[in-house]
Protein backbone atom coordinates (compact mmCIF):
# COMPACT_ATOMS: atom_id res chain seq x y z
CA MET A 1 29.88 29.12 7.30
CA LEU A 2 31.83 31.71 9.21
CA ARG A 3 33.95 30.21 11.96
CA LEU A 4 36.97 31.09 14.07
CA THR A 5 40.25 29.36 13.43
CA LYS A 6 41.52 27.09 16.20
CA LYS A 7 44.32 29.58 16.82
CA ALA A 8 41.85 32.44 17.37
CA ASP A 9 39.72 30.20 19.58
CA TYR A 10 42.76 29.25 21.68
CA GLY A 11 43.85 32.89 21.86
CA LEU A 12 40.47 33.94 23.21
CA MET A 13 40.52 31.08 25.71
CA ALA A 14 43.97 32.12 26.92
CA LEU A 15 42.95 35.75 27.40
CA LYS A 16 39.79 34.62 29.18
CA TYR A 17 41.91 32.53 31.54
CA LEU A 18 44.26 35.44 32.26
CA ALA A 19 41.29 37.77 32.82
CA GLU A 20 39.71 35.29 35.24
CA GLN A 21 42.95 34.97 37.16
CA ALA A 22 43.27 38.76 37.41
CA ASP A 23 39.62 38.97 38.49
CA LEU A 24 40.13 36.31 41.19
CA ALA A 25 43.22 38.13 42.44
CA ALA A 26 41.31 41.41 42.58
CA ARG A 27 38.45 39.79 44.51
CA ALA A 28 40.96 38.38 46.97
CA GLY A 29 42.38 41.85 47.42
CA ALA A 30 45.75 41.03 45.89
CA GLU A 31 47.35 43.32 43.38
CA LEU A 32 48.01 41.77 39.98
CA HIS A 33 51.76 42.35 40.11
CA LEU A 34 51.90 40.45 43.40
CA THR A 35 50.06 37.42 42.03
CA GLY A 36 52.47 37.05 39.12
CA ALA A 37 51.93 36.15 35.52
CA ARG A 38 50.52 32.81 34.41
CA SER A 39 52.63 30.36 32.48
CA ALA A 40 51.76 29.03 29.06
CA LYS A 41 51.83 25.59 30.65
CA ASP A 42 49.13 26.57 33.20
CA ILE A 43 46.88 27.90 30.44
CA ALA A 44 47.49 24.88 28.19
CA GLU A 45 46.65 22.48 31.02
CA ALA A 46 43.53 24.41 32.03
CA TYR A 47 42.01 24.15 28.54
CA HIS A 48 43.81 21.09 27.11
CA ILE A 49 45.50 23.16 24.41
CA PRO A 50 48.65 21.83 22.69
CA PRO A 51 51.47 23.64 24.56
CA GLN A 52 53.68 24.40 21.55
CA LEU A 53 50.78 25.89 19.60
CA LEU A 54 49.67 27.94 22.59
CA ALA A 55 53.20 29.28 23.09
CA LYS A 56 53.22 30.58 19.50
CA ILE A 57 49.78 32.15 19.94
CA LEU A 58 50.85 33.86 23.19
CA GLN A 59 53.95 35.23 21.47
CA THR A 60 51.77 36.61 18.67
CA LEU A 61 49.45 38.27 21.19
CA THR A 62 52.46 39.73 23.00
CA ARG A 63 53.83 41.21 19.76
CA ALA A 64 50.36 42.69 19.12
CA GLY A 65 50.49 44.43 22.51
CA LEU A 66 47.60 42.49 24.05
CA LEU A 67 49.81 40.56 26.49
CA VAL A 68 53.01 41.25 28.36
CA SER A 69 55.50 38.49 29.01
CA HIS A 70 57.62 38.17 32.12
CA ALA A 71 60.78 36.08 32.15
CA GLY A 72 62.15 34.22 35.12
CA THR A 73 61.02 31.73 37.72
CA ASN A 74 57.65 33.40 38.32
CA GLY A 75 57.37 34.48 34.71
CA GLY A 76 54.61 33.98 32.24
CA TYR A 77 51.97 36.10 30.57
CA ALA A 78 49.57 38.76 31.78
CA LEU A 79 47.09 41.05 30.08
CA ALA A 80 48.68 44.27 28.82
CA ARG A 81 45.48 46.21 29.55
CA PRO A 82 42.32 45.64 31.56
CA ALA A 83 40.20 42.84 30.09
CA SER A 84 37.36 45.30 29.57
CA SER A 85 39.48 47.27 27.09
CA ILE A 86 40.57 44.31 24.93
CA SER A 87 38.03 43.38 22.27
CA THR A 88 37.55 39.94 20.80
CA PHE A 89 38.05 41.56 17.40
CA GLU A 90 41.56 42.71 18.40
CA VAL A 91 42.44 39.17 19.46
CA ILE A 92 41.11 37.57 16.29
CA ARG A 93 42.76 40.19 14.06
CA ALA A 94 46.10 39.78 15.86
CA ILE A 95 46.05 36.03 15.25
CA ASP A 96 44.30 35.65 11.90
CA GLY A 97 44.81 39.05 10.29
CA PRO A 98 42.04 41.18 8.77
CA LEU A 99 38.54 39.72 8.84
CA PHE A 100 36.88 39.32 5.46
CA ILE A 101 33.88 37.08 4.89
CA THR A 102 34.35 36.90 1.11
CA SER A 103 37.25 37.20 -1.28
CA CYS A 104 35.70 40.28 -2.90
CA ILE A 105 36.16 42.30 0.28
CA THR A 106 39.92 42.43 0.75
CA ILE A 107 42.76 44.87 1.24
CA HIS A 108 44.08 43.96 -2.24
CA GLY A 109 41.56 46.09 -4.15
CA PRO A 110 38.51 45.22 -6.22
CA CYS A 111 37.94 41.74 -7.59
CA ASP A 112 37.56 40.95 -11.28
CA LEU A 113 33.77 41.19 -11.08
CA ALA A 114 33.68 44.56 -9.29
CA GLY A 115 31.88 46.30 -12.16
CA HIS A 116 29.17 43.65 -12.44
CA CYS A 117 28.78 42.46 -8.85
CA THR A 118 25.39 42.98 -7.24
CA ILE A 119 26.21 41.61 -3.80
CA LYS A 120 29.38 43.50 -2.93
CA GLU A 121 27.63 46.24 -0.96
CA PRO A 122 25.38 43.91 1.08
CA LEU A 123 28.40 41.72 1.90
CA ARG A 124 30.41 44.78 2.92
CA LYS A 125 27.61 45.65 5.35
CA VAL A 126 27.64 42.12 6.77
CA ASN A 127 31.42 42.30 7.18
CA GLU A 128 31.14 45.65 8.98
CA SER A 129 28.39 44.29 11.25
CA ILE A 130 30.50 41.30 12.26
CA THR A 131 33.50 43.55 12.88
CA ARG A 132 31.38 45.91 14.99
CA LEU A 133 29.84 43.04 16.98
CA LEU A 134 33.24 41.49 17.74
CA SER A 135 34.61 44.93 18.63
CA ASP A 136 31.80 45.39 21.16
CA ILE A 137 32.59 42.13 22.97
CA SER A 138 35.48 42.50 25.40
CA VAL A 139 37.54 39.78 26.98
CA SER A 140 35.89 40.63 30.31
CA ASP A 141 32.52 39.75 28.72
CA LEU A 142 33.80 36.19 28.29
CA ILE A 143 34.24 35.70 32.02
CA GLU A 144 31.41 33.91 33.77
CA PRO A 145 30.23 35.70 36.90
CA ALA A 146 31.22 33.88 40.09
CA ASP A 147 27.55 33.44 41.04
CA GLN A 148 26.91 31.55 37.79
CA LEU A 149 29.75 29.07 38.17
CA PRO A 150 28.60 25.52 38.86
CA ALA A 151 28.39 24.59 42.54
CA PRO A 152 30.62 21.81 43.84
CA MET A 153 29.02 18.40 43.49
CA ALA A 154 30.19 16.96 46.79
CA GLY A 155 32.41 17.73 49.71
CA GLY A 156 30.83 21.05 50.61
CA LEU A 157 28.89 21.91 53.72
CA VAL A 158 25.23 21.10 53.58
CA THR A 159 22.61 22.81 55.73
CA ILE A 160 19.22 21.22 56.18
CA GLU A 161 16.50 23.52 57.40
CA ARG A 162 13.32 22.27 59.02
């Protein structure tokens, strides 16, 4: 079974959070640099992610050029580029390294069975398809549209029409 590592999952969640915050700021008419970066603590609390692990993931994403970090009182992390130009593949690759679904498809050259293998080519195609699919999904695609967010359960204004 192909599955994301927890680190990659947390990295995607963090970028989604930062993209949502930037989107909310844009809808409110505020410029991103005026709203400030978001702290690792804010992100960890929002998604119940272990703070120390998230801090390491955010540092990795910063080194990869997907995030920028700001020091100081209002410091934290922000997206280095628009969310629409950051692919989920970039995030996963930055955290987990190259994506290979089998050990025969690696950067280390052919495996011992390369001359006799009958499934190498089909598996290469599967690997390329997964890479292409993840490359086509941007961080902005992870954001739920505001009109699809759940409505408040109570405390809002109610209008009854007759």
